């Protein structure tokens, strides 16, 4: 299940790098479903050391992907905010001088 979440976060990162926000949103929903299932299934499960180590590596990768996705989406939000602000300013100037 962790490997599946990692695969989805890989796809999310690819979508974020490509500015494919629709795909990112769809993948984020899939990821949330898998994480919910994982929480339900994992309660009280004790893993052997080898599997715990693998789980820790996968979680580290998921968290690294998440950090980069957040960074990319924050940058996009800044750009979007500037664009909306610019559009609003242009509209106000047009209305004022029309």
PDB file of N, CA and C in Angstrom:
ATOM      1  N   UNK A   1       0.837  -1.194   0.000  1.00  0.00           N
ATOM      2  CA  UNK A   1       0.000   0.000   0.000  1.00  0.00           C
ATOM      3  C   UNK A   1       0.886   1.265   0.000  1.00  0.00           C
ATOM      4  N   UNK A   2       1.965   1.248   0.773  1.00  0.00           N
ATOM      5  CA  UNK A   2       2.876   2.392   0.786  1.00  0.00           C
ATOM      6  C   UNK A   2       3.508   2.592  -0.587  1.00  0.00           C
ATOM      7  N   UNK A   3       3.840   1.491  -1.245  1.00  0.00           N
ATOM      8  CA  UNK A   3       4.419   1.594  -2.586  1.00  0.00           C
ATOM      9  C   UNK A   3       3.421   2.217  -3.556  1.00  0.00           C
ATOM     10  N   UNK A   4       2.152   1.898  -3.408  1.00  0.00           N
ATOM     11  CA  UNK A   4       1.113   2.486  -4.275  1.00  0.00           C
ATOM     12  C   UNK A   4       1.011   3.990  -4.025  1.00  0.00           C
ATOM     13  N   UNK A   5       1.035   4.398  -2.756  1.00  0.00           N
ATOM     14  CA  UNK A   5       0.999   5.832  -2.428  1.00  0.00           C
ATOM     15  C   UNK A   5       2.226   6.522  -3.013  1.00  0.00           C
ATOM     16  N   UNK A   6       3.391   5.880  -2.913  1.00  0.00           N
ATOM     17  CA  UNK A   6       4.617   6.444  -3.470  1.00  0.00           C
ATOM     18  C   UNK A   6       4.510   6.612  -4.984  1.00  0.00           C
ATOM     19  N   UNK A   7       3.923   5.638  -5.645  1.00  0.00           N
ATOM     20  CA  UNK A   7       3.717   5.722  -7.096  1.00  0.00           C
ATOM     21  C   UNK A   7       2.808   6.907  -7.442  1.00  0.00           C
ATOM     22  N   UNK A   8       1.763   7.094  -6.657  1.00  0.00           N
ATOM     23  CA  UNK A   8       0.845   8.209  -6.909  1.00  0.00           C
ATOM     24  C   UNK A   8       1.545   9.537  -6.664  1.00  0.00           C
ATOM     25  N   UNK A   9       2.357   9.627  -5.599  1.00  0.00           N
ATOM     26  CA  UNK A   9       3.057  10.896  -5.353  1.00  0.00           C
ATOM     27  C   UNK A   9       4.089  11.176  -6.447  1.00  0.00           C
ATOM     28  N   UNK A  10       4.667  10.114  -7.022  1.00  0.00           N
ATOM     29  CA  UNK A  10       5.545  10.298  -8.188  1.00  0.00           C
ATOM     30  C   UNK A  10       4.771  10.966  -9.330  1.00  0.00           C
ATOM     31  N   UNK A  11       3.587  10.432  -9.602  1.00  0.00           N
ATOM     32  CA  UNK A  11       2.753  10.978 -10.673  1.00  0.00           C
ATOM     33  C   UNK A  11       2.320  12.411 -10.348  1.00  0.00           C
ATOM     34  N   UNK A  12       2.034  12.662  -9.074  1.00  0.00           N
ATOM     35  CA  UNK A  12       1.654  14.020  -8.662  1.00  0.00           C
ATOM     36  C   UNK A  12       2.800  14.994  -8.909  1.00  0.00           C
ATOM     37  N   UNK A  13       4.012  14.583  -8.594  1.00  0.00           N
ATOM     38  CA  UNK A  13       5.181  15.431  -8.800  1.00  0.00           C
ATOM     39  C   UNK A  13       5.395  15.714 -10.283  1.00  0.00           C
ATOM     40  N   UNK A  14       5.225  14.706 -11.103  1.00  0.00           N
ATOM     41  CA  UNK A  14       5.343  14.893 -12.556  1.00  0.00           C
ATOM     42  C   UNK A  14       4.291  15.892 -13.035  1.00  0.00           C
ATOM     43  N   UNK A  15       3.076  15.760 -12.553  1.00  0.00           N
ATOM     44  CA  UNK A  15       2.005  16.686 -12.942  1.00  0.00           C
ATOM     45  C   UNK A  15       2.313  18.106 -12.477  1.00  0.00           C
ATOM     46  N   UNK A  16       2.803  18.256 -11.255  1.00  0.00           N
ATOM     47  CA  UNK A  16       3.134  19.593 -10.741  1.00  0.00           C
ATOM     48  C   UNK A  16       4.268  20.226 -11.542  1.00  0.00           C
ATOM     49  N   UNK A  17       5.268  19.435 -11.879  1.00  0.00           N
ATOM     50  CA  UNK A  17       6.388  19.960 -12.684  1.00  0.00           C
ATOM     51  C   UNK A  17       5.914  20.397 -14.070  1.00  0.00           C
ATOM     52  N   UNK A  18       4.864  19.736 -14.582  1.00  0.00           N
ATOM     53  CA  UNK A  18       4.337  20.048 -15.910  1.00  0.00           C
ATOM     54  C   UNK A  18       3.219  21.092 -15.860  1.00  0.00           C
ATOM     55  N   UNK A  19       2.961  21.653 -14.675  1.00  0.00           N
ATOM     56  CA  UNK A  19       1.865  22.615 -14.489  1.00  0.00           C
ATOM     57  C   UNK A  19       0.518  22.014 -14.900  1.00  0.00           C
ATOM     58  N   UNK A  20       0.364  20.716 -14.720  1.00  0.00           N
ATOM     59  CA  UNK A  20      -0.893  20.030 -15.040  1.00  0.00           C
ATOM     60  C   UNK A  20      -1.713  19.929 -13.756  1.00  0.00           C
ATOM     61  N   UNK A  21      -2.340  21.045 -13.400  1.00  0.00           N
ATOM     62  CA  UNK A  21      -3.022  21.147 -12.106  1.00  0.00           C
ATOM     63  C   UNK A  21      -4.267  20.276 -12.028  1.00  0.00           C
ATOM     64  N   UNK A  22      -4.938  20.055 -13.138  1.00  0.00           N
ATOM     65  CA  UNK A  22      -6.107  19.166 -13.131  1.00  0.00           C
ATOM     66  C   UNK A  22      -5.693  17.737 -12.786  1.00  0.00           C
ATOM     67  N   UNK A  23      -4.614  17.281 -13.406  1.00  0.00           N
ATOM     68  CA  UNK A  23      -4.114  15.932 -13.110  1.00  0.00           C
ATOM     69  C   UNK A  23      -3.654  15.848 -11.660  1.00  0.00           C
ATOM     70  N   UNK A  24      -2.996  16.893 -11.188  1.00  0.00           N
ATOM     71  CA  UNK A  24      -2.521  16.901  -9.808  1.00  0.00           C
ATOM     72  C   UNK A  24      -3.686  16.771  -8.828  1.00  0.00           C
ATOM     73  N   UNK A  25      -4.753  17.499  -9.075  1.00  0.00           N
ATOM     74  CA  UNK A  25      -5.926  17.446  -8.200  1.00  0.00           C
ATOM     75  C   UNK A  25      -6.546  16.046  -8.199  1.00  0.00           C
ATOM     76  N   UNK A  26      -6.656  15.443  -9.385  1.00  0.00           N
ATOM     77  CA  UNK A  26      -7.228  14.094  -9.484  1.00  0.00           C
ATOM     78  C   UNK A  26      -6.344  13.082  -8.759  1.00  0.00           C
ATOM     79  N   UNK A  27      -5.044  13.199  -8.935  1.00  0.00           N
ATOM     80  CA  UNK A  27      -4.116  12.282  -8.276  1.00  0.00           C
ATOM     81  C   UNK A  27      -4.117  12.488  -6.763  1.00  0.00           C
ATOM     82  N   UNK A  28      -4.259  13.724  -6.346  1.00  0.00           N
ATOM     83  CA  UNK A  28      -4.308  14.024  -4.913  1.00  0.00           C
ATOM     84  C   UNK A  28      -5.509  13.327  -4.262  1.00  0.00           C
ATOM     85  N   UNK A  29      -6.636  13.308  -4.962  1.00  0.00           N
ATOM     86  CA  UNK A  29      -7.824  12.622  -4.451  1.00  0.00           C
ATOM     87  C   UNK A  29      -7.563  11.119  -4.330  1.00  0.00           C
ATOM     88  N   UNK A  30      -6.907  10.538  -5.336  1.00  0.00           N
ATOM     89  CA  UNK A  30      -6.557   9.109  -5.281  1.00  0.00           C
ATOM     90  C   UNK A  30      -5.636   8.828  -4.102  1.00  0.00           C
ATOM     91  N   UNK A  31      -4.665   9.698  -3.932  1.00  0.00           N
ATOM     92  CA  UNK A  31      -3.689   9.537  -2.856  1.00  0.00           C
ATOM     93  C   UNK A  31      -4.386   9.579  -1.495  1.00  0.00           C
ATOM     94  N   UNK A  32      -5.296  10.512  -1.327  1.00  0.00           N
ATOM     95  CA  UNK A  32      -6.020  10.641  -0.060  1.00  0.00           C
ATOM     96  C   UNK A  32      -6.815   9.366   0.239  1.00  0.00           C
ATOM     97  N   UNK A  33      -7.442   8.784  -0.783  1.00  0.00           N
ATOM     98  CA  UNK A  33      -8.185   7.529  -0.588  1.00  0.00           C
ATOM     99  C   UNK A  33      -7.268   6.396  -0.139  1.00  0.00           C
ATOM    100  N   UNK A  34      -6.116   6.290  -0.788  1.00  0.00           N
ATOM    101  CA  UNK A  34      -5.169   5.234  -0.429  1.00  0.00           C
ATOM    102  C   UNK A  34      -4.636   5.441   0.989  1.00  0.00           C
ATOM    103  N   UNK A  35      -4.381   6.669   1.357  1.00  0.00           N
ATOM    104  CA  UNK A  35      -3.879   6.944   2.706  1.00  0.00           C
ATOM    105  C   UNK A  35      -4.940   6.606   3.743  1.00  0.00           C
ATOM    106  N   UNK A  36      -6.191   6.910   3.465  1.00  0.00           N
ATOM    107  CA  UNK A  36      -7.270   6.544   4.376  1.00  0.00           C
ATOM    108  C   UNK A  36      -7.355   5.021   4.547  1.00  0.00           C
ATOM    109  N   UNK A  37      -7.258   4.296   3.433  1.00  0.00           N
ATOM    110  CA  UNK A  37      -7.287   2.833   3.498  1.00  0.00           C
ATOM    111  C   UNK A  37      -6.094   2.311   4.285  1.00  0.00           C
ATOM    112  N   UNK A  38      -4.950   2.924   4.063  1.00  0.00           N
ATOM    113  CA  UNK A  38      -3.732   2.515   4.742  1.00  0.00           C
ATOM    114  C   UNK A  38      -3.873   2.699   6.250  1.00  0.00           C
ATOM    115  N   UNK A  39      -4.433   3.814   6.662  1.00  0.00           N
ATOM    116  CA  UNK A  39      -4.634   4.070   8.095  1.00  0.00           C
ATOM    117  C   UNK A  39      -5.543   3.024   8.714  1.00  0.00           C
ATOM    118  N   UNK A  40      -6.586   2.643   7.992  1.00  0.00           N
ATOM    119  CA  UNK A  40      -7.532   1.657   8.511  1.00  0.00           C
ATOM    120  C   UNK A  40      -6.906   0.264   8.613  1.00  0.00           C
ATOM    121  N   UNK A  41      -6.114  -0.091   7.616  1.00  0.00           N
ATOM    122  CA  UNK A  41      -5.554  -1.438   7.559  1.00  0.00           C
ATOM    123  C   UNK A  41      -4.332  -1.613   8.453  1.00  0.00           C
ATOM    124  N   UNK A  42      -3.631  -0.534   8.743  1.00  0.00           N
ATOM    125  CA  UNK A  42      -2.351  -0.651   9.420  1.00  0.00           C
ATOM    126  C   UNK A  42      -2.456  -0.646  10.940  1.00  0.00           C
ATOM    127  N   UNK A  43      -3.563  -0.289  11.464  1.00  0.00           N
ATOM    128  CA  UNK A  43      -3.728  -0.171  12.907  1.00  0.00           C
ATOM    129  C   UNK A  43      -3.273  -1.429  13.642  1.00  0.00           C
ATOM    130  N   UNK A  44      -2.266  -1.270  14.488  1.00  0.00           N
ATOM    131  CA  UNK A  44      -1.796  -2.380  15.317  1.00  0.00           C
ATOM    132  C   UNK A  44      -0.920  -3.401  14.625  1.00  0.00           C
ATOM    133  N   UNK A  45      -0.548  -3.190  13.376  1.00  0.00           N
ATOM    134  CA  UNK A  45       0.277  -4.143  12.637  1.00  0.00           C
ATOM    135  C   UNK A  45       1.743  -3.944  13.032  1.00  0.00           C
ATOM    136  N   UNK A  46       2.407  -5.048  13.393  1.00  0.00           N
ATOM    137  CA  UNK A  46       3.833  -5.005  13.728  1.00  0.00           C
ATOM    138  C   UNK A  46       4.582  -5.686  12.590  1.00  0.00           C
ATOM    139  N   UNK A  47       5.527  -4.950  12.010  1.00  0.00           N
ATOM    140  CA  UNK A  47       6.272  -5.454  10.860  1.00  0.00           C
ATOM    141  C   UNK A  47       7.651  -5.957  11.282  1.00  0.00           C
ATOM    142  N   UNK A  48       8.168  -6.943  10.556  1.00  0.00           N
ATOM    143  CA  UNK A  48       9.562  -7.358  10.765  1.00  0.00           C
ATOM    144  C   UNK A  48      10.500  -6.191  10.415  1.00  0.00           C
ATOM    145  N   UNK A  49      11.701  -6.221  10.920  1.00  0.00           N
ATOM    146  CA  UNK A  49      12.653  -5.114  10.747  1.00  0.00           C
ATOM    147  C   UNK A  49      12.899  -4.767   9.283  1.00  0.00           C
ATOM    148  N   UNK A  50      13.044  -5.759   8.436  1.00  0.00           N
ATOM    149  CA  UNK A  50      13.301  -5.506   7.011  1.00  0.00           C
ATOM    150  C   UNK A  50      12.146  -4.716   6.402  1.00  0.00           C
ATOM    151  N   UNK A  51      10.931  -5.108   6.712  1.00  0.00           N
ATOM    152  CA  UNK A  51       9.764  -4.408   6.168  1.00  0.00           C
ATOM    153  C   UNK A  51       9.615  -3.023   6.783  1.00  0.00           C
ATOM    154  N   UNK A  52       9.972  -2.862   8.066  1.00  0.00           N
ATOM    155  CA  UNK A  52       9.938  -1.529   8.698  1.00  0.00           C
ATOM    156  C   UNK A  52      10.919  -0.593   8.017  1.00  0.00           C
ATOM    157  N   UNK A  53      12.118  -1.111   7.699  1.00  0.00           N
ATOM    158  CA  UNK A  53      13.118  -0.299   7.014  1.00  0.00           C
ATOM    159  C   UNK A  53      12.625   0.127   5.635  1.00  0.00           C
ATOM    160  N   UNK A  54      12.028  -0.811   4.909  1.00  0.00           N
ATOM    161  CA  UNK A  54      11.473  -0.495   3.592  1.00  0.00           C
ATOM    162  C   UNK A  54      10.363   0.551   3.721  1.00  0.00           C
ATOM    163  N   UNK A  55       9.490   0.352   4.694  1.00  0.00           N
ATOM    164  CA  UNK A  55       8.407   1.306   4.944  1.00  0.00           C
ATOM    165  C   UNK A  55       8.973   2.689   5.234  1.00  0.00           C
ATOM    166  N   UNK A  56      10.016   2.767   6.042  1.00  0.00           N
ATOM    167  CA  UNK A  56      10.631   4.056   6.385  1.00  0.00           C
ATOM    168  C   UNK A  56      11.216   4.734   5.148  1.00  0.00           C
ATOM    169  N   UNK A  57      11.864   3.950   4.278  1.00  0.00           N
ATOM    170  CA  UNK A  57      12.434   4.525   3.042  1.00  0.00           C
ATOM    171  C   UNK A  57      11.332   5.044   2.127  1.00  0.00           C
ATOM    172  N   UNK A  58      10.256   4.278   2.009  1.00  0.00           N
ATOM    173  CA  UNK A  58       9.139   4.695   1.146  1.00  0.00           C
ATOM    174  C   UNK A  58       8.495   5.969   1.705  1.00  0.00           C
ATOM    175  N   UNK A  59       8.293   6.009   3.016  1.00  0.00           N
ATOM    176  CA  UNK A  59       7.695   7.202   3.631  1.00  0.00           C
ATOM    177  C   UNK A  59       8.600   8.411   3.427  1.00  0.00           C
ATOM    178  N   UNK A  60       9.897   8.235   3.552  1.00  0.00           N
ATOM    179  CA  UNK A  60      10.836   9.349   3.317  1.00  0.00           C
ATOM    180  C   UNK A  60      10.714   9.880   1.898  1.00  0.00           C
ATOM    181  N   UNK A  61      10.572   8.964   0.938  1.00  0.00           N
ATOM    182  CA  UNK A  61      10.422   9.386  -0.455  1.00  0.00           C
ATOM    183  C   UNK A  61       9.095  10.113  -0.664  1.00  0.00           C
ATOM    184  N   UNK A  62       8.032   9.596  -0.063  1.00  0.00           N
ATOM    185  CA  UNK A  62       6.723  10.249  -0.168  1.00  0.00           C
ATOM    186  C   UNK A  62       6.794  11.664   0.391  1.00  0.00           C
ATOM    187  N   UNK A  63       7.459  11.819   1.539  1.00  0.00           N
ATOM    188  CA  UNK A  63       7.581  13.139   2.156  1.00  0.00           C
ATOM    189  C   UNK A  63       8.438  14.083   1.307  1.00  0.00           C
ATOM    190  N   UNK A  64       9.490  13.562   0.696  1.00  0.00           N
ATOM    191  CA  UNK A  64      10.324  14.389  -0.194  1.00  0.00           C
ATOM    192  C   UNK A  64       9.517  14.835  -1.411  1.00  0.00           C
ATOM    193  N   UNK A  65       8.742  13.913  -1.992  1.00  0.00           N
ATOM    194  CA  UNK A  65       7.879  14.274  -3.122  1.00  0.00           C
ATOM    195  C   UNK A  65       6.878  15.343  -2.694  1.00  0.00           C
ATOM    196  N   UNK A  66       6.298  15.159  -1.509  1.00  0.00           N
ATOM    197  CA  UNK A  66       5.310  16.113  -1.001  1.00  0.00           C
ATOM    198  C   UNK A  66       5.922  17.503  -0.827  1.00  0.00           C
ATOM    199  N   UNK A  67       7.149  17.564  -0.295  1.00  0.00           N
ATOM    200  CA  UNK A  67       7.817  18.873  -0.139  1.00  0.00           C
ATOM    201  C   UNK A  67       7.993  19.572  -1.485  1.00  0.00           C
ATOM    202  N   UNK A  68       8.434  18.809  -2.493  1.00  0.00           N
ATOM    203  CA  UNK A  68       8.640  19.426  -3.809  1.00  0.00           C
ATOM    204  C   UNK A  68       7.314  19.833  -4.441  1.00  0.00           C
ATOM    205  N   UNK A  69       6.292  19.016  -4.288  1.00  0.00           N
ATOM    206  CA  UNK A  69       4.967  19.357  -4.822  1.00  0.00           C
ATOM    207  C   UNK A  69       4.467  20.643  -4.175  1.00  0.00           C
ATOM    208  N   UNK A  70       4.606  20.734  -2.846  1.00  0.00           N
ATOM    209  CA  UNK A  70       4.176  21.950  -2.138  1.00  0.00           C
ATOM    210  C   UNK A  70       4.946  23.172  -2.622  1.00  0.00           C
ATOM    211  N   UNK A  71       6.227  23.004  -2.822  1.00  0.00           N
ATOM    212  CA  UNK A  71       7.045  24.110  -3.311  1.00  0.00           C
ATOM    213  C   UNK A  71       6.562  24.579  -4.685  1.00  0.00           C
ATOM    214  N   UNK A  72       6.300  23.628  -5.569  1.00  0.00           N
ATOM    215  CA  UNK A  72       5.828  23.966  -6.915  1.00  0.00           C
ATOM    216  C   UNK A  72       4.442  24.600  -6.887  1.00  0.00           C
ATOM    217  N   UNK A  73       3.559  24.086  -6.039  1.00  0.00           N
ATOM    218  CA  UNK A  73       2.211  24.656  -5.983  1.00  0.00           C
ATOM    219  C   UNK A  73       2.226  26.041  -5.337  1.00  0.00           C
ATOM    220  N   UNK A  74       3.101  26.250  -4.357  1.00  0.00           N
ATOM    221  CA  UNK A  74       3.215  27.581  -3.752  1.00  0.00           C
ATOM    222  C   UNK A  74       3.717  28.592  -4.778  1.00  0.00           C
ATOM    223  N   UNK A  75       4.695  28.201  -5.578  1.00  0.00           N
ATOM    224  CA  UNK A  75       5.204  29.072  -6.634  1.00  0.00           C
ATOM    225  C   UNK A  75       4.096  29.404  -7.625  1.00  0.00           C
ATOM    226  N   UNK A  76       3.310  28.390  -8.008  1.00  0.00           N
ATOM    227  CA  UNK A  76       2.188  28.606  -8.925  1.00  0.00           C
ATOM    228  C   UNK A  76       1.171  29.564  -8.313  1.00  0.00           C
ATOM    229  N   UNK A  77       0.895  29.424  -7.016  1.00  0.00           N
ATOM    230  CA  UNK A  77      -0.068  30.297  -6.344  1.00  0.00           C
ATOM    231  C   UNK A  77       0.420  31.745  -6.339  1.00  0.00           C
ATOM    232  N   UNK A  78       1.715  31.951  -6.159  1.00  0.00           N
ATOM    233  CA  UNK A  78       2.280  33.299  -6.210  1.00  0.00           C
ATOM    234  C   UNK A  78       2.089  33.888  -7.604  1.00  0.00           C
ATOM    235  N   UNK A  79       2.385  33.092  -8.630  1.00  0.00           N
ATOM    236  CA  UNK A  79       2.208  33.552 -10.011  1.00  0.00           C
ATOM    237  C   UNK A  79       0.740  33.862 -10.301  1.00  0.00           C
ATOM    238  N   UNK A  80      -0.149  32.985  -9.850  1.00  0.00           N
ATOM    239  CA  UNK A  80      -1.576  33.183 -10.066  1.00  0.00           C
ATOM    240  C   UNK A  80      -2.061  34.442  -9.354  1.00  0.00           C
ATOM    241  N   UNK A  81      -1.602  34.638  -8.150  1.00  0.00           N
ATOM    242  CA  UNK A  81      -1.984  35.824  -7.384  1.00  0.00           C
ATOM    243  C   UNK A  81      -1.526  37.095  -8.103  1.00  0.00           C
ATOM    244  N   UNK A  82      -0.300  37.087  -8.615  1.00  0.00           N
ATOM    245  CA  UNK A  82       0.221  38.243  -9.346  1.00  0.00           C
ATOM    246  C   UNK A  82      -0.598  38.482 -10.615  1.00  0.00           C
ATOM    247  N   UNK A  83      -0.949  37.424 -11.307  1.00  0.00           N
ATOM    248  CA  UNK A  83      -1.747  37.537 -12.522  1.00  0.00           C
ATOM    249  C   UNK A  83      -3.117  38.116 -12.213  1.00  0.00           C
ATOM    250  N   UNK A  84      -3.753  37.614 -11.175  1.00  0.00           N
ATOM    251  CA  UNK A  84      -5.074  38.117 -10.800  1.00  0.00           C
ATOM    252  C   UNK A  84      -5.003  39.573 -10.342  1.00  0.00           C
ATOM    253  N   UNK A  85      -3.973  39.900  -9.626  1.00  0.00           N
ATOM    254  CA  UNK A  85      -3.788  41.278  -9.172  1.00  0.00           C
ATOM    255  C   UNK A  85      -3.578  42.203 -10.364  1.00  0.00           C
ATOM    256  N   UNK A  86      -2.757  41.753 -11.300  1.00  0.00           N
ATOM    257  CA  UNK A  86      -2.486  42.540 -12.499  1.00  0.00           C
ATOM    258  C   UNK A  86      -3.752  42.740 -13.319  1.00  0.00           C
ATOM    259  N   UNK A  87      -4.531  41.672 -13.465  1.00  0.00           N
ATOM    260  CA  UNK A  87      -5.775  41.752 -14.223  1.00  0.00           C
ATOM    261  C   UNK A  87      -6.749  42.703 -13.542  1.00  0.00           C
ATOM    262  N   UNK A  88      -6.828  42.619 -12.213  1.00  0.00           N
ATOM    263  CA  UNK A  88      -7.714  43.517 -11.460  1.00  0.00           C
ATOM    264  C   UNK A  88      -7.297  44.961 -11.589  1.00  0.00           C
ATOM    265  N   UNK A  89      -6.007  45.210 -11.549  1.00  0.00           N
ATOM    266  CA  UNK A  89      -5.488  46.576 -11.701  1.00  0.00           C
ATOM    267  C   UNK A  89      -5.782  47.109 -13.097  1.00  0.00           C
ATOM    268  N   UNK A  90      -5.579  46.275 -14.106  1.00  0.00           N
ATOM    269  CA  UNK A  90      -5.872  46.698 -15.476  1.00  0.00           C
ATOM    270  C   UNK A  90      -7.351  47.036 -15.637  1.00  0.00           C
ATOM    271  N   UNK A  91      -8.202  46.213 -15.045  1.00  0.00           N
ATOM    272  CA  UNK A  91      -9.630  46.448 -15.131  1.00  0.00           C
ATOM    273  C   UNK A  91     -10.000  47.785 -14.458  1.00  0.00           C
ATOM    274  N   UNK A  92      -9.451  48.036 -13.277  1.00  0.00           N
ATOM    275  CA  UNK A  92      -9.724  49.270 -12.561  1.00  0.00           C
ATOM    276  C   UNK A  92      -9.235  50.485 -13.354  1.00  0.00           C
ATOM    277  N   UNK A  93      -8.049  50.384 -13.946  1.00  0.00           N
ATOM    278  CA  UNK A  93      -7.531  51.492 -14.762  1.00  0.00           C
ATOM    279  C   UNK A  93      -8.407  51.722 -15.987  1.00  0.00           C
ATOM    280  N   UNK A  94      -8.824  50.629 -16.613  1.00  0.00           N
ATOM    281  CA  UNK A  94      -9.691  50.749 -17.792  1.00  0.00           C
ATOM    282  C   UNK A  94     -10.996  51.402 -17.431  1.00  0.00           C
ATOM    283  N   UNK A  95     -11.567  51.005 -16.295  1.00  0.00           N
ATOM    284  CA  UNK A  95     -12.835  51.607 -15.866  1.00  0.00           C
ATOM    285  C   UNK A  95     -12.658  53.079 -15.496  1.00  0.00           C
ATOM    286  N   UNK A  96     -11.534  53.397 -14.892  1.00  0.00           N
ATOM    287  CA  UNK A  96     -11.290  54.769 -14.460  1.00  0.00           C
ATOM    288  C   UNK A  96     -11.071  55.711 -15.646  1.00  0.00           C
ATOM    289  N   UNK A  97     -10.427  55.216 -16.683  1.00  0.00           N
ATOM    290  CA  UNK A  97     -10.080  56.077 -17.810  1.00  0.00           C
ATOM    291  C   UNK A  97     -10.928  55.833 -19.060  1.00  0.00           C
ATOM    292  N   UNK A  98     -11.971  55.054 -18.942  1.00  0.00           N
ATOM    293  CA  UNK A  98     -12.822  54.797 -20.104  1.00  0.00           C
ATOM    294  C   UNK A  98     -13.873  55.866 -20.261  1.00  0.00           C
TER     295      UNK A  98
END
